Amino acid sequence: KSGSGFALFFGGIILTFIGAPAWGQITEMFDLLTISITLWLVVVSAAGFAIWNHLSTLYPVSLLASYRFIIPLCGVLLSILFLPNETPGWGLLIGTPFLLFSLYLAQRFSRKN
């Protein structure tokens, strides 16, 4: 588990030093909103990895892996909320109950085992 954390950390450091020549021009290349959003995504990504690693110590990974199917669903729902021209389609309306029911079944059957 910690191997992936070290790999991500050192990979980030290496990429930071590779991009060092552009550090002085970052405010010319990106506005404050873009930099802020990028930093927010760094926090969200780090929190996601931390939560995943913590949950994997509490629950079997096979059960947790099934919950990863919620990620695209959340992406679609957030797109509908924040993008003005996005609307829910039939796939979302039909697929969401199937997804949630399958997660319920996975949780229920994992408790029996």
N, C-alpha and C. Protein backbone atom coordinates (compact mmCIF):
# COMPACT_ATOMS: atom_id res chain seq x y z
N LYS A 1 0.82 -1.19 0.00
CA LYS A 1 0.00 0.00 0.00
C LYS A 1 0.86 1.25 0.00
N SER A 2 1.86 1.29 0.86
CA SER A 2 2.67 2.49 0.94
C SER A 2 3.58 2.62 -0.28
N GLY A 3 3.79 1.52 -1.02
CA GLY A 3 4.62 1.59 -2.22
C GLY A 3 4.04 2.52 -3.25
N SER A 4 2.73 2.49 -3.42
CA SER A 4 2.13 3.38 -4.41
C SER A 4 2.20 4.83 -3.93
N GLY A 5 2.10 5.05 -2.61
CA GLY A 5 2.23 6.40 -2.08
C GLY A 5 3.61 6.97 -2.31
N PHE A 6 4.64 6.14 -2.07
CA PHE A 6 6.01 6.59 -2.32
C PHE A 6 6.24 6.85 -3.81
N ALA A 7 5.71 5.97 -4.65
CA ALA A 7 5.88 6.16 -6.09
C ALA A 7 5.24 7.46 -6.55
N LEU A 8 4.02 7.73 -6.07
CA LEU A 8 3.36 8.98 -6.44
C LEU A 8 4.10 10.19 -5.90
N PHE A 9 4.59 10.10 -4.68
CA PHE A 9 5.30 11.22 -4.08
C PHE A 9 6.58 11.55 -4.84
N PHE A 10 7.40 10.52 -5.07
CA PHE A 10 8.66 10.75 -5.77
C PHE A 10 8.45 11.09 -7.24
N GLY A 11 7.43 10.51 -7.84
CA GLY A 11 7.11 10.88 -9.22
C GLY A 11 6.70 12.34 -9.31
N GLY A 12 5.94 12.81 -8.33
CA GLY A 12 5.55 14.22 -8.29
C GLY A 12 6.73 15.13 -8.11
N ILE A 13 7.66 14.72 -7.25
CA ILE A 13 8.87 15.54 -7.04
C ILE A 13 9.69 15.61 -8.32
N ILE A 14 9.85 14.48 -9.00
CA ILE A 14 10.62 14.46 -10.25
C ILE A 14 9.96 15.36 -11.30
N LEU A 15 8.63 15.25 -11.43
CA LEU A 15 7.94 16.09 -12.41
C LEU A 15 8.01 17.57 -12.03
N THR A 16 8.01 17.86 -10.74
CA THR A 16 8.14 19.25 -10.29
C THR A 16 9.49 19.82 -10.69
N PHE A 17 10.56 19.03 -10.53
CA PHE A 17 11.88 19.53 -10.92
C PHE A 17 12.05 19.60 -12.44
N ILE A 18 11.40 18.71 -13.16
CA ILE A 18 11.45 18.80 -14.63
C ILE A 18 10.78 20.08 -15.11
N GLY A 19 9.69 20.46 -14.42
CA GLY A 19 8.98 21.68 -14.80
C GLY A 19 9.53 22.94 -14.18
N ALA A 20 10.63 22.84 -13.42
CA ALA A 20 11.20 23.99 -12.73
C ALA A 20 11.52 25.18 -13.63
N PRO A 21 11.98 24.98 -14.86
CA PRO A 21 12.26 26.16 -15.70
C PRO A 21 11.03 27.03 -15.97
N ALA A 22 9.84 26.47 -15.85
CA ALA A 22 8.63 27.24 -16.13
C ALA A 22 8.01 27.85 -14.87
N TRP A 23 8.60 27.63 -13.70
CA TRP A 23 8.01 28.14 -12.46
C TRP A 23 7.81 29.65 -12.48
N GLY A 24 8.79 30.38 -13.01
CA GLY A 24 8.70 31.84 -13.04
C GLY A 24 7.61 32.36 -13.95
N GLN A 25 7.18 31.54 -14.89
CA GLN A 25 6.17 31.99 -15.86
C GLN A 25 4.78 31.44 -15.58
N ILE A 26 4.60 30.80 -14.43
CA ILE A 26 3.32 30.14 -14.17
C ILE A 26 2.17 31.13 -14.13
N THR A 27 2.41 32.33 -13.59
CA THR A 27 1.33 33.31 -13.54
C THR A 27 1.03 33.91 -14.92
N GLU A 28 1.98 33.82 -15.83
CA GLU A 28 1.74 34.27 -17.20
C GLU A 28 0.97 33.22 -17.99
N MET A 29 1.24 31.93 -17.68
CA MET A 29 0.59 30.84 -18.42
C MET A 29 -0.82 30.54 -17.90
N PHE A 30 -1.03 30.70 -16.61
CA PHE A 30 -2.31 30.34 -16.00
C PHE A 30 -2.80 31.48 -15.13
N ASP A 31 -4.11 31.69 -15.12
CA ASP A 31 -4.66 32.70 -14.22
C ASP A 31 -4.86 32.11 -12.83
N LEU A 32 -5.24 32.95 -11.88
CA LEU A 32 -5.38 32.52 -10.49
C LEU A 32 -6.45 31.45 -10.33
N LEU A 33 -7.53 31.54 -11.10
CA LEU A 33 -8.60 30.53 -11.01
C LEU A 33 -8.09 29.15 -11.43
N THR A 34 -7.33 29.08 -12.51
CA THR A 34 -6.80 27.81 -12.98
C THR A 34 -5.83 27.20 -11.97
N ILE A 35 -4.98 28.03 -11.39
CA ILE A 35 -4.04 27.55 -10.37
C ILE A 35 -4.80 27.06 -9.15
N SER A 36 -5.82 27.81 -8.73
CA SER A 36 -6.62 27.41 -7.56
C SER A 36 -7.34 26.09 -7.80
N ILE A 37 -7.92 25.93 -8.97
CA ILE A 37 -8.62 24.68 -9.28
C ILE A 37 -7.64 23.52 -9.30
N THR A 38 -6.46 23.73 -9.86
CA THR A 38 -5.44 22.67 -9.90
C THR A 38 -5.02 22.27 -8.48
N LEU A 39 -4.81 23.25 -7.62
CA LEU A 39 -4.44 22.93 -6.24
C LEU A 39 -5.58 22.22 -5.52
N TRP A 40 -6.82 22.60 -5.81
CA TRP A 40 -7.97 21.91 -5.21
C TRP A 40 -8.00 20.45 -5.66
N LEU A 41 -7.73 20.21 -6.93
CA LEU A 41 -7.72 18.84 -7.43
C LEU A 41 -6.59 18.02 -6.81
N VAL A 42 -5.49 18.65 -6.48
CA VAL A 42 -4.40 17.97 -5.77
C VAL A 42 -4.90 17.50 -4.40
N VAL A 43 -5.61 18.37 -3.70
CA VAL A 43 -6.13 18.03 -2.37
C VAL A 43 -7.16 16.90 -2.48
N VAL A 44 -8.06 17.00 -3.45
CA VAL A 44 -9.09 15.97 -3.62
C VAL A 44 -8.46 14.62 -3.95
N SER A 45 -7.47 14.63 -4.84
CA SER A 45 -6.81 13.39 -5.22
C SER A 45 -6.07 12.77 -4.03
N ALA A 46 -5.35 13.59 -3.28
CA ALA A 46 -4.62 13.08 -2.11
C ALA A 46 -5.60 12.53 -1.07
N ALA A 47 -6.70 13.23 -0.86
CA ALA A 47 -7.69 12.76 0.10
C ALA A 47 -8.31 11.45 -0.37
N GLY A 48 -8.56 11.32 -1.67
CA GLY A 48 -9.11 10.09 -2.21
C GLY A 48 -8.18 8.90 -1.97
N PHE A 49 -6.90 9.09 -2.23
CA PHE A 49 -5.93 8.01 -1.99
C PHE A 49 -5.86 7.67 -0.50
N ALA A 50 -5.87 8.69 0.35
CA ALA A 50 -5.78 8.45 1.79
C ALA A 50 -7.01 7.69 2.28
N ILE A 51 -8.18 8.09 1.81
CA ILE A 51 -9.41 7.40 2.23
C ILE A 51 -9.41 5.97 1.72
N TRP A 52 -9.02 5.77 0.46
CA TRP A 52 -8.97 4.42 -0.10
C TRP A 52 -8.03 3.53 0.71
N ASN A 53 -6.85 4.04 1.02
CA ASN A 53 -5.89 3.23 1.79
C ASN A 53 -6.41 2.93 3.18
N HIS A 54 -7.07 3.87 3.80
CA HIS A 54 -7.62 3.62 5.13
C HIS A 54 -8.75 2.60 5.06
N LEU A 55 -9.65 2.75 4.11
CA LEU A 55 -10.75 1.80 3.99
C LEU A 55 -10.27 0.39 3.65
N SER A 56 -9.17 0.30 2.90
CA SER A 56 -8.66 -1.02 2.55
C SER A 56 -8.08 -1.75 3.76
N THR A 57 -7.80 -1.01 4.84
CA THR A 57 -7.38 -1.68 6.07
C THR A 57 -8.58 -2.16 6.88
N LEU A 58 -9.75 -1.60 6.62
CA LEU A 58 -10.94 -1.95 7.38
C LEU A 58 -11.83 -2.99 6.69
N TYR A 59 -11.87 -2.96 5.36
CA TYR A 59 -12.77 -3.82 4.59
C TYR A 59 -11.98 -4.58 3.54
N PRO A 60 -12.53 -5.71 3.07
CA PRO A 60 -11.84 -6.44 1.99
C PRO A 60 -11.81 -5.62 0.70
N VAL A 61 -10.70 -5.67 0.01
CA VAL A 61 -10.54 -4.89 -1.22
C VAL A 61 -11.54 -5.33 -2.28
N SER A 62 -11.90 -6.61 -2.30
CA SER A 62 -12.87 -7.08 -3.29
C SER A 62 -14.21 -6.37 -3.11
N LEU A 63 -14.61 -6.07 -1.89
CA LEU A 63 -15.85 -5.33 -1.66
C LEU A 63 -15.68 -3.87 -2.03
N LEU A 64 -14.56 -3.29 -1.66
CA LEU A 64 -14.32 -1.88 -1.96
C LEU A 64 -14.23 -1.62 -3.47
N ALA A 65 -13.69 -2.59 -4.19
CA ALA A 65 -13.54 -2.41 -5.64
C ALA A 65 -14.89 -2.24 -6.33
N SER A 66 -15.92 -2.88 -5.80
CA SER A 66 -17.23 -2.73 -6.42
C SER A 66 -17.74 -1.30 -6.27
N TYR A 67 -17.34 -0.60 -5.22
CA TYR A 67 -17.80 0.78 -5.02
C TYR A 67 -17.12 1.76 -5.97
N ARG A 68 -16.08 1.32 -6.65
CA ARG A 68 -15.43 2.21 -7.61
C ARG A 68 -16.32 2.49 -8.82
N PHE A 69 -17.38 1.71 -8.98
CA PHE A 69 -18.33 1.97 -10.05
C PHE A 69 -19.14 3.25 -9.78
N ILE A 70 -19.08 3.76 -8.57
CA ILE A 70 -19.78 5.01 -8.26
C ILE A 70 -19.05 6.21 -8.85
N ILE A 71 -17.75 6.09 -9.11
CA ILE A 71 -16.96 7.22 -9.61
C ILE A 71 -17.53 7.78 -10.91
N PRO A 72 -17.79 6.96 -11.94
CA PRO A 72 -18.36 7.55 -13.16
C PRO A 72 -19.76 8.12 -12.93
N LEU A 73 -20.53 7.48 -12.06
CA LEU A 73 -21.87 8.00 -11.76
C LEU A 73 -21.77 9.39 -11.15
N CYS A 74 -20.86 9.57 -10.21
CA CYS A 74 -20.68 10.90 -9.61
C CYS A 74 -20.20 11.91 -10.64
N GLY A 75 -19.34 11.48 -11.55
CA GLY A 75 -18.89 12.38 -12.61
C GLY A 75 -20.02 12.85 -13.49
N VAL A 76 -20.91 11.93 -13.85
CA VAL A 76 -22.06 12.30 -14.67
C VAL A 76 -22.99 13.24 -13.90
N LEU A 77 -23.25 12.92 -12.64
CA LEU A 77 -24.14 13.77 -11.84
C LEU A 77 -23.56 15.17 -11.65
N LEU A 78 -22.25 15.25 -11.41
CA LEU A 78 -21.63 16.57 -11.28
C LEU A 78 -21.66 17.34 -12.60
N SER A 79 -21.51 16.64 -13.71
CA SER A 79 -21.60 17.30 -15.02
C SER A 79 -23.00 17.87 -15.22
N ILE A 80 -24.01 17.11 -14.83
CA ILE A 80 -25.38 17.59 -14.96
C ILE A 80 -25.60 18.82 -14.09
N LEU A 81 -25.00 18.82 -12.90
CA LEU A 81 -25.18 19.96 -11.99
C LEU A 81 -24.47 21.22 -12.47
N PHE A 82 -23.25 21.07 -12.99
CA PHE A 82 -22.42 22.23 -13.25
C PHE A 82 -22.32 22.66 -14.71
N LEU A 83 -22.62 21.80 -15.65
CA LEU A 83 -22.54 22.16 -17.06
C LEU A 83 -23.93 22.50 -17.57
N PRO A 84 -24.08 23.67 -18.15
CA PRO A 84 -25.43 24.14 -18.49
C PRO A 84 -26.17 23.30 -19.54
N ASN A 85 -25.48 22.69 -20.46
CA ASN A 85 -26.16 21.95 -21.53
C ASN A 85 -26.29 20.45 -21.28
N GLU A 86 -25.86 19.98 -20.12
CA GLU A 86 -25.94 18.56 -19.80
C GLU A 86 -27.31 18.22 -19.21
N THR A 87 -27.87 17.13 -19.68
CA THR A 87 -29.15 16.66 -19.16
C THR A 87 -29.04 15.15 -18.92
N PRO A 88 -29.79 14.64 -17.95
CA PRO A 88 -29.75 13.19 -17.71
C PRO A 88 -30.43 12.45 -18.85
N GLY A 89 -29.79 11.37 -19.29
CA GLY A 89 -30.36 10.54 -20.35
C GLY A 89 -30.97 9.28 -19.78
N TRP A 90 -31.53 8.50 -20.68
CA TRP A 90 -32.16 7.24 -20.25
C TRP A 90 -31.16 6.28 -19.64
N GLY A 91 -29.94 6.28 -20.14
CA GLY A 91 -28.91 5.39 -19.59
C GLY A 91 -28.67 5.65 -18.12
N LEU A 92 -28.63 6.93 -17.75
CA LEU A 92 -28.44 7.29 -16.36
C LEU A 92 -29.65 6.90 -15.52
N LEU A 93 -30.83 7.18 -16.04
CA LEU A 93 -32.05 6.89 -15.29
C LEU A 93 -32.29 5.39 -15.11
N ILE A 94 -31.88 4.60 -16.07
CA ILE A 94 -32.06 3.15 -15.97
C ILE A 94 -30.87 2.50 -15.27
N GLY A 95 -29.67 2.98 -15.56
CA GLY A 95 -28.46 2.35 -15.02
C GLY A 95 -28.21 2.61 -13.55
N THR A 96 -28.58 3.80 -13.06
CA THR A 96 -28.31 4.14 -11.66
C THR A 96 -28.98 3.17 -10.68
N PRO A 97 -30.27 2.85 -10.86
CA PRO A 97 -30.87 1.88 -9.93
C PRO A 97 -30.19 0.50 -9.99
N PHE A 98 -29.79 0.07 -11.20
CA PHE A 98 -29.09 -1.21 -11.31
C PHE A 98 -27.76 -1.17 -10.57
N LEU A 99 -27.03 -0.08 -10.72
CA LEU A 99 -25.75 0.07 -10.04
C LEU A 99 -25.93 0.05 -8.53
N LEU A 100 -26.86 0.84 -8.03
CA LEU A 100 -27.07 0.91 -6.59
C LEU A 100 -27.56 -0.42 -6.03
N PHE A 101 -28.43 -1.11 -6.77
CA PHE A 101 -28.91 -2.40 -6.31
C PHE A 101 -27.80 -3.44 -6.29
N SER A 102 -26.92 -3.41 -7.29
CA SER A 102 -25.81 -4.36 -7.31
C SER A 102 -24.83 -4.09 -6.16
N LEU A 103 -24.63 -2.82 -5.82
CA LEU A 103 -23.78 -2.50 -4.67
C LEU A 103 -24.43 -2.98 -3.37
N TYR A 104 -25.73 -2.83 -3.28
CA TYR A 104 -26.46 -3.34 -2.11
C TYR A 104 -26.29 -4.85 -2.00
N LEU A 105 -26.44 -5.56 -3.12
CA LEU A 105 -26.28 -7.01 -3.09
C LEU A 105 -24.85 -7.42 -2.72
N ALA A 106 -23.88 -6.71 -3.26
CA ALA A 106 -22.48 -7.01 -2.95
C ALA A 106 -22.22 -6.82 -1.45
N GLN A 107 -22.76 -5.76 -0.89
CA GLN A 107 -22.58 -5.51 0.54
C GLN A 107 -23.29 -6.58 1.37
N ARG A 108 -24.48 -6.94 0.96
CA ARG A 108 -25.26 -7.92 1.72
C ARG A 108 -24.61 -9.30 1.69
N PHE A 109 -24.16 -9.74 0.50
CA PHE A 109 -23.55 -11.06 0.39
C PHE A 109 -22.17 -11.10 1.04
N SER A 110 -21.45 -9.98 1.08
CA SER A 110 -20.14 -9.98 1.72
C SER A 110 -20.28 -10.11 3.24
N ARG A 111 -21.36 -9.61 3.82
CA ARG A 111 -21.57 -9.74 5.26
C ARG A 111 -21.87 -11.19 5.65
N LYS A 112 -22.52 -11.92 4.75
CA LYS A 112 -22.85 -13.31 5.05
C LYS A 112 -21.60 -14.18 5.06
N ASN A 113 -20.62 -13.81 4.22
CA ASN A 113 -19.38 -14.58 4.16
C ASN A 113 -18.49 -14.14 5.28
